[in-house]
Amino acid sequence: MALSVVNFRMRHGNIAEQVSFSGNGIKLLDLKKEIVDKKKISSSLDFDLTINDESGKGIMCTYF
């Protein structure tokens, strides 16, 4: 199975990071869990996840 990546940046950060996963897609809840693991933040998933296009200007969706 192919390895895919999602680039992310925390709201107040300016460094882009990556989360990798196998397959062509990832559920948003699973993406939040991967970000929590990568950033070693609290185990709470109580944060907003906003999906932007590559330029960062167009919001595609917001997941609470």
PDB file of N, CA and C in Angstrom:
ATOM      1  N   MET A   1       0.837  -1.171   0.000  1.00  0.00           N
ATOM      2  CA  MET A   1       0.000   0.000   0.000  1.00  0.00           C
ATOM      3  C   MET A   1       0.888   1.243   0.000  1.00  0.00           C
ATOM      4  N   ALA A   2       0.454   2.264  -0.679  1.00  0.00           N
ATOM      5  CA  ALA A   2       1.230   3.499  -0.823  1.00  0.00           C
ATOM      6  C   ALA A   2       1.271   4.287   0.476  1.00  0.00           C
ATOM      7  N   LEU A   3       2.377   4.985   0.689  1.00  0.00           N
ATOM      8  CA  LEU A   3       2.523   5.858   1.840  1.00  0.00           C
ATOM      9  C   LEU A   3       2.162   7.276   1.425  1.00  0.00           C
ATOM     10  N   SER A   4       1.272   7.921   2.185  1.00  0.00           N
ATOM     11  CA  SER A   4       0.825   9.282   1.895  1.00  0.00           C
ATOM     12  C   SER A   4       1.210  10.194   3.042  1.00  0.00           C
ATOM     13  N   VAL A   5       1.229  11.488   2.792  1.00  0.00           N
ATOM     14  CA  VAL A   5       1.558  12.460   3.836  1.00  0.00           C
ATOM     15  C   VAL A   5       0.545  13.598   3.830  1.00  0.00           C
ATOM     16  N   VAL A   6       0.368  14.192   4.999  1.00  0.00           N
ATOM     17  CA  VAL A   6      -0.402  15.424   5.149  1.00  0.00           C
ATOM     18  C   VAL A   6       0.548  16.426   5.788  1.00  0.00           C
ATOM     19  N   ASN A   7       0.693  17.576   5.167  1.00  0.00           N
ATOM     20  CA  ASN A   7       1.483  18.657   5.732  1.00  0.00           C
ATOM     21  C   ASN A   7       0.586  19.464   6.656  1.00  0.00           C
ATOM     22  N   PHE A   8       1.110  19.834   7.821  1.00  0.00           N
ATOM     23  CA  PHE A   8       0.319  20.635   8.748  1.00  0.00           C
ATOM     24  C   PHE A   8       1.198  21.672   9.411  1.00  0.00           C
ATOM     25  N   ARG A   9       0.553  22.679   9.930  1.00  0.00           N
ATOM     26  CA  ARG A   9       1.220  23.746  10.668  1.00  0.00           C
ATOM     27  C   ARG A   9       0.283  24.168  11.782  1.00  0.00           C
ATOM     28  N   MET A  10       0.830  24.337  12.965  1.00  0.00           N
ATOM     29  CA  MET A  10       0.026  24.797  14.080  1.00  0.00           C
ATOM     30  C   MET A  10      -0.314  26.265  13.849  1.00  0.00           C
ATOM     31  N   ARG A  11      -1.413  26.722  14.381  1.00  0.00           N
ATOM     32  CA  ARG A  11      -1.912  28.073  14.125  1.00  0.00           C
ATOM     33  C   ARG A  11      -0.861  29.149  14.383  1.00  0.00           C
ATOM     34  N   HIS A  12      -0.116  29.026  15.455  1.00  0.00           N
ATOM     35  CA  HIS A  12       0.851  30.068  15.799  1.00  0.00           C
ATOM     36  C   HIS A  12       2.274  29.676  15.414  1.00  0.00           C
ATOM     37  N   GLY A  13       2.405  28.621  14.646  1.00  0.00           N
ATOM     38  CA  GLY A  13       3.731  28.205  14.209  1.00  0.00           C
ATOM     39  C   GLY A  13       3.961  28.591  12.761  1.00  0.00           C
ATOM     40  N   ASN A  14       5.199  28.600  12.368  1.00  0.00           N
ATOM     41  CA  ASN A  14       5.488  28.912  10.974  1.00  0.00           C
ATOM     42  C   ASN A  14       6.275  27.798  10.298  1.00  0.00           C
ATOM     43  N   ILE A  15       6.458  26.692  10.987  1.00  0.00           N
ATOM     44  CA  ILE A  15       7.177  25.557  10.432  1.00  0.00           C
ATOM     45  C   ILE A  15       6.171  24.469  10.058  1.00  0.00           C
ATOM     46  N   ALA A  16       6.195  24.078   8.793  1.00  0.00           N
ATOM     47  CA  ALA A  16       5.323  23.001   8.330  1.00  0.00           C
ATOM     48  C   ALA A  16       5.918  21.657   8.733  1.00  0.00           C
ATOM     49  N   GLU A  17       5.056  20.750   9.153  1.00  0.00           N
ATOM     50  CA  GLU A  17       5.469  19.394   9.522  1.00  0.00           C
ATOM     51  C   GLU A  17       4.624  18.409   8.742  1.00  0.00           C
ATOM     52  N   GLN A  18       4.995  17.127   8.810  1.00  0.00           N
ATOM     53  CA  GLN A  18       4.279  16.097   8.060  1.00  0.00           C
ATOM     54  C   GLN A  18       3.832  14.971   8.973  1.00  0.00           C
ATOM     55  N   VAL A  19       2.684  14.420   8.633  1.00  0.00           N
ATOM     56  CA  VAL A  19       2.187  13.190   9.232  1.00  0.00           C
ATOM     57  C   VAL A  19       2.048  12.205   8.077  1.00  0.00           C
ATOM     58  N   SER A  20       2.617  11.016   8.227  1.00  0.00           N
ATOM     59  CA  SER A  20       2.496  10.017   7.169  1.00  0.00           C
ATOM     60  C   SER A  20       1.560   8.894   7.593  1.00  0.00           C
ATOM     61  N   PHE A  21       0.937   8.292   6.607  1.00  0.00           N
ATOM     62  CA  PHE A  21      -0.001   7.200   6.834  1.00  0.00           C
ATOM     63  C   PHE A  21      -0.039   6.343   5.584  1.00  0.00           C
ATOM     64  N   SER A  22      -0.482   5.119   5.724  1.00  0.00           N
ATOM     65  CA  SER A  22      -0.579   4.249   4.556  1.00  0.00           C
ATOM     66  C   SER A  22      -1.957   4.384   3.928  1.00  0.00           C
ATOM     67  N   GLY A  23      -1.990   4.297   2.626  1.00  0.00           N
ATOM     68  CA  GLY A  23      -3.239   4.404   1.895  1.00  0.00           C
ATOM     69  C   GLY A  23      -3.391   5.746   1.214  1.00  0.00           C
ATOM     70  N   ASN A  24      -4.566   5.942   0.622  1.00  0.00           N
ATOM     71  CA  ASN A  24      -4.841   7.166  -0.135  1.00  0.00           C
ATOM     72  C   ASN A  24      -5.594   8.210   0.661  1.00  0.00           C
ATOM     73  N   GLY A  25      -6.092   7.869   1.827  1.00  0.00           N
ATOM     74  CA  GLY A  25      -6.884   8.812   2.605  1.00  0.00           C
ATOM     75  C   GLY A  25      -6.791   8.503   4.084  1.00  0.00           C
ATOM     76  N   ILE A  26      -7.197   9.485   4.886  1.00  0.00           N
ATOM     77  CA  ILE A  26      -7.198   9.326   6.337  1.00  0.00           C
ATOM     78  C   ILE A  26      -8.441  10.033   6.883  1.00  0.00           C
ATOM     79  N   LYS A  27      -9.077   9.434   7.864  1.00  0.00           N
ATOM     80  CA  LYS A  27     -10.218  10.070   8.517  1.00  0.00           C
ATOM     81  C   LYS A  27      -9.717  11.259   9.321  1.00  0.00           C
ATOM     82  N   LEU A  28     -10.530  12.309   9.404  1.00  0.00           N
ATOM     83  CA  LEU A  28     -10.104  13.508  10.118  1.00  0.00           C
ATOM     84  C   LEU A  28      -9.802  13.228  11.587  1.00  0.00           C
ATOM     85  N   LEU A  29     -10.577  12.372  12.225  1.00  0.00           N
ATOM     86  CA  LEU A  29     -10.316  12.030  13.621  1.00  0.00           C
ATOM     87  C   LEU A  29      -8.957  11.340  13.744  1.00  0.00           C
ATOM     88  N   ASP A  30      -8.646  10.442  12.813  1.00  0.00           N
ATOM     89  CA  ASP A  30      -7.345   9.771  12.826  1.00  0.00           C
ATOM     90  C   ASP A  30      -6.213  10.765  12.571  1.00  0.00           C
ATOM     91  N   LEU A  31      -6.446  11.753  11.708  1.00  0.00           N
ATOM     92  CA  LEU A  31      -5.452  12.787  11.450  1.00  0.00           C
ATOM     93  C   LEU A  31      -5.192  13.598  12.722  1.00  0.00           C
ATOM     94  N   LYS A  32      -6.251  13.945  13.444  1.00  0.00           N
ATOM     95  CA  LYS A  32      -6.084  14.672  14.704  1.00  0.00           C
ATOM     96  C   LYS A  32      -5.255  13.851  15.686  1.00  0.00           C
ATOM     97  N   LYS A  33      -5.516  12.549  15.764  1.00  0.00           N
ATOM     98  CA  LYS A  33      -4.757  11.673  16.662  1.00  0.00           C
ATOM     99  C   LYS A  33      -3.287  11.635  16.264  1.00  0.00           C
ATOM    100  N   GLU A  34      -3.010  11.574  14.978  1.00  0.00           N
ATOM    101  CA  GLU A  34      -1.625  11.554  14.499  1.00  0.00           C
ATOM    102  C   GLU A  34      -0.905  12.851  14.846  1.00  0.00           C
ATOM    103  N   ILE A  35      -1.600  13.978  14.714  1.00  0.00           N
ATOM    104  CA  ILE A  35      -1.003  15.275  15.049  1.00  0.00           C
ATOM    105  C   ILE A  35      -0.724  15.352  16.547  1.00  0.00           C
ATOM    106  N   VAL A  36      -1.650  14.885  17.367  1.00  0.00           N
ATOM    107  CA  VAL A  36      -1.459  14.863  18.817  1.00  0.00           C
ATOM    108  C   VAL A  36      -0.232  14.026  19.165  1.00  0.00           C
ATOM    109  N   ASP A  37      -0.099  12.854  18.533  1.00  0.00           N
ATOM    110  CA  ASP A  37       1.058  11.996  18.790  1.00  0.00           C
ATOM    111  C   ASP A  37       2.359  12.667  18.343  1.00  0.00           C
ATOM    112  N   LYS A  38       2.347  13.244  17.168  1.00  0.00           N
ATOM    113  CA  LYS A  38       3.561  13.864  16.624  1.00  0.00           C
ATOM    114  C   LYS A  38       4.008  15.058  17.454  1.00  0.00           C
ATOM    115  N   LYS A  39       3.065  15.900  17.862  1.00  0.00           N
ATOM    116  CA  LYS A  39       3.391  17.117  18.598  1.00  0.00           C
ATOM    117  C   LYS A  39       3.523  16.869  20.103  1.00  0.00           C
ATOM    118  N   LYS A  40       3.176  15.651  20.541  1.00  0.00           N
ATOM    119  CA  LYS A  40       3.235  15.300  21.957  1.00  0.00           C
ATOM    120  C   LYS A  40       2.459  16.300  22.820  1.00  0.00           C
ATOM    121  N   ILE A  41       1.263  16.648  22.324  1.00  0.00           N
ATOM    122  CA  ILE A  41       0.391  17.523  23.095  1.00  0.00           C
ATOM    123  C   ILE A  41      -0.565  16.663  23.901  1.00  0.00           C
ATOM    124  N   SER A  42      -1.367  17.275  24.740  1.00  0.00           N
ATOM    125  CA  SER A  42      -2.267  16.523  25.609  1.00  0.00           C
ATOM    126  C   SER A  42      -3.064  15.515  24.793  1.00  0.00           C
ATOM    127  N   SER A  43      -3.446  14.455  25.420  1.00  0.00           N
ATOM    128  CA  SER A  43      -4.169  13.399  24.719  1.00  0.00           C
ATOM    129  C   SER A  43      -5.589  13.813  24.347  1.00  0.00           C
ATOM    130  N   SER A  44      -5.990  14.982  24.768  1.00  0.00           N
ATOM    131  CA  SER A  44      -7.312  15.486  24.424  1.00  0.00           C
ATOM    132  C   SER A  44      -7.364  15.864  22.947  1.00  0.00           C
ATOM    133  N   LEU A  45      -8.443  15.508  22.301  1.00  0.00           N
ATOM    134  CA  LEU A  45      -8.628  15.867  20.894  1.00  0.00           C
ATOM    135  C   LEU A  45      -9.487  17.116  20.799  1.00  0.00           C
ATOM    136  N   ASP A  46      -9.497  17.898  21.871  1.00  0.00           N
ATOM    137  CA  ASP A  46     -10.333  19.085  21.954  1.00  0.00           C
ATOM    138  C   ASP A  46      -9.632  20.296  21.335  1.00  0.00           C
ATOM    139  N   PHE A  47      -9.450  20.245  20.024  1.00  0.00           N
ATOM    140  CA  PHE A  47      -8.913  21.385  19.285  1.00  0.00           C
ATOM    141  C   PHE A  47      -9.530  21.379  17.904  1.00  0.00           C
ATOM    142  N   ASP A  48      -9.572  22.548  17.299  1.00  0.00           N
ATOM    143  CA  ASP A  48     -10.149  22.680  15.967  1.00  0.00           C
ATOM    144  C   ASP A  48      -9.098  22.331  14.920  1.00  0.00           C
ATOM    145  N   LEU A  49      -9.531  21.625  13.909  1.00  0.00           N
ATOM    146  CA  LEU A  49      -8.668  21.280  12.787  1.00  0.00           C
ATOM    147  C   LEU A  49      -9.248  21.959  11.562  1.00  0.00           C
ATOM    148  N   THR A  50      -8.485  22.877  10.979  1.00  0.00           N
ATOM    149  CA  THR A  50      -8.938  23.594   9.795  1.00  0.00           C
ATOM    150  C   THR A  50      -8.125  23.110   8.602  1.00  0.00           C
ATOM    151  N   ILE A  51      -8.816  22.707   7.557  1.00  0.00           N
ATOM    152  CA  ILE A  51      -8.161  22.196   6.352  1.00  0.00           C
ATOM    153  C   ILE A  51      -8.136  23.313   5.317  1.00  0.00           C
ATOM    154  N   ASN A  52      -6.938  23.688   4.901  1.00  0.00           N
ATOM    155  CA  ASN A  52      -6.756  24.747   3.901  1.00  0.00           C
ATOM    156  C   ASN A  52      -6.195  24.162   2.615  1.00  0.00           C
ATOM    157  N   ASP A  53      -6.349  24.917   1.535  1.00  0.00           N
ATOM    158  CA  ASP A  53      -5.685  24.500   0.308  1.00  0.00           C
ATOM    159  C   ASP A  53      -4.185  24.768   0.459  1.00  0.00           C
ATOM    160  N   GLU A  54      -3.425  24.371  -0.517  1.00  0.00           N
ATOM    161  CA  GLU A  54      -1.973  24.431  -0.432  1.00  0.00           C
ATOM    162  C   GLU A  54      -1.435  25.833  -0.179  1.00  0.00           C
ATOM    163  N   SER A  55      -2.107  26.844  -0.691  1.00  0.00           N
ATOM    164  CA  SER A  55      -1.643  28.220  -0.501  1.00  0.00           C
ATOM    165  C   SER A  55      -1.933  28.721   0.915  1.00  0.00           C
ATOM    166  N   GLY A  56      -2.845  28.053   1.627  1.00  0.00           N
ATOM    167  CA  GLY A  56      -3.215  28.473   2.966  1.00  0.00           C
ATOM    168  C   GLY A  56      -4.264  29.562   2.983  1.00  0.00           C
ATOM    169  N   LYS A  57      -4.732  29.967   1.816  1.00  0.00           N
ATOM    170  CA  LYS A  57      -5.691  31.070   1.744  1.00  0.00           C
ATOM    171  C   LYS A  57      -7.134  30.597   1.755  1.00  0.00           C
ATOM    172  N   GLY A  58      -7.414  29.471   1.129  1.00  0.00           N
ATOM    173  CA  GLY A  58      -8.793  29.006   1.024  1.00  0.00           C
ATOM    174  C   GLY A  58      -9.094  27.910   2.026  1.00  0.00           C
ATOM    175  N   ILE A  59     -10.061  28.137   2.897  1.00  0.00           N
ATOM    176  CA  ILE A  59     -10.454  27.121   3.869  1.00  0.00           C
ATOM    177  C   ILE A  59     -11.367  26.119   3.192  1.00  0.00           C
ATOM    178  N   MET A  60     -10.992  24.848   3.261  1.00  0.00           N
ATOM    179  CA  MET A  60     -11.789  23.804   2.629  1.00  0.00           C
ATOM    180  C   MET A  60     -12.821  23.258   3.609  1.00  0.00           C
ATOM    181  N   CYS A  61     -12.455  23.119   4.889  1.00  0.00           N
ATOM    182  CA  CYS A  61     -13.413  22.697   5.912  1.00  0.00           C
ATOM    183  C   CYS A  61     -12.807  22.908   7.282  1.00  0.00           C
ATOM    184  N   THR A  62     -13.641  22.918   8.298  1.00  0.00           N
ATOM    185  CA  THR A  62     -13.196  23.005   9.680  1.00  0.00           C
ATOM    186  C   THR A  62     -13.823  21.844  10.432  1.00  0.00           C
ATOM    187  N   TYR A  63     -13.008  21.136  11.187  1.00  0.00           N
ATOM    188  CA  TYR A  63     -13.444  19.975  11.949  1.00  0.00           C
ATOM    189  C   TYR A  63     -13.232  20.266  13.419  1.00  0.00           C
ATOM    190  N   PHE A  64     -14.294  20.152  14.213  1.00  0.00           N
ATOM    191  CA  PHE A  64     -14.214  20.435  15.651  1.00  0.00           C
ATOM    192  C   PHE A  64     -14.082  19.157  16.432  1.00  0.00           C
TER     193      PHE A  64
END
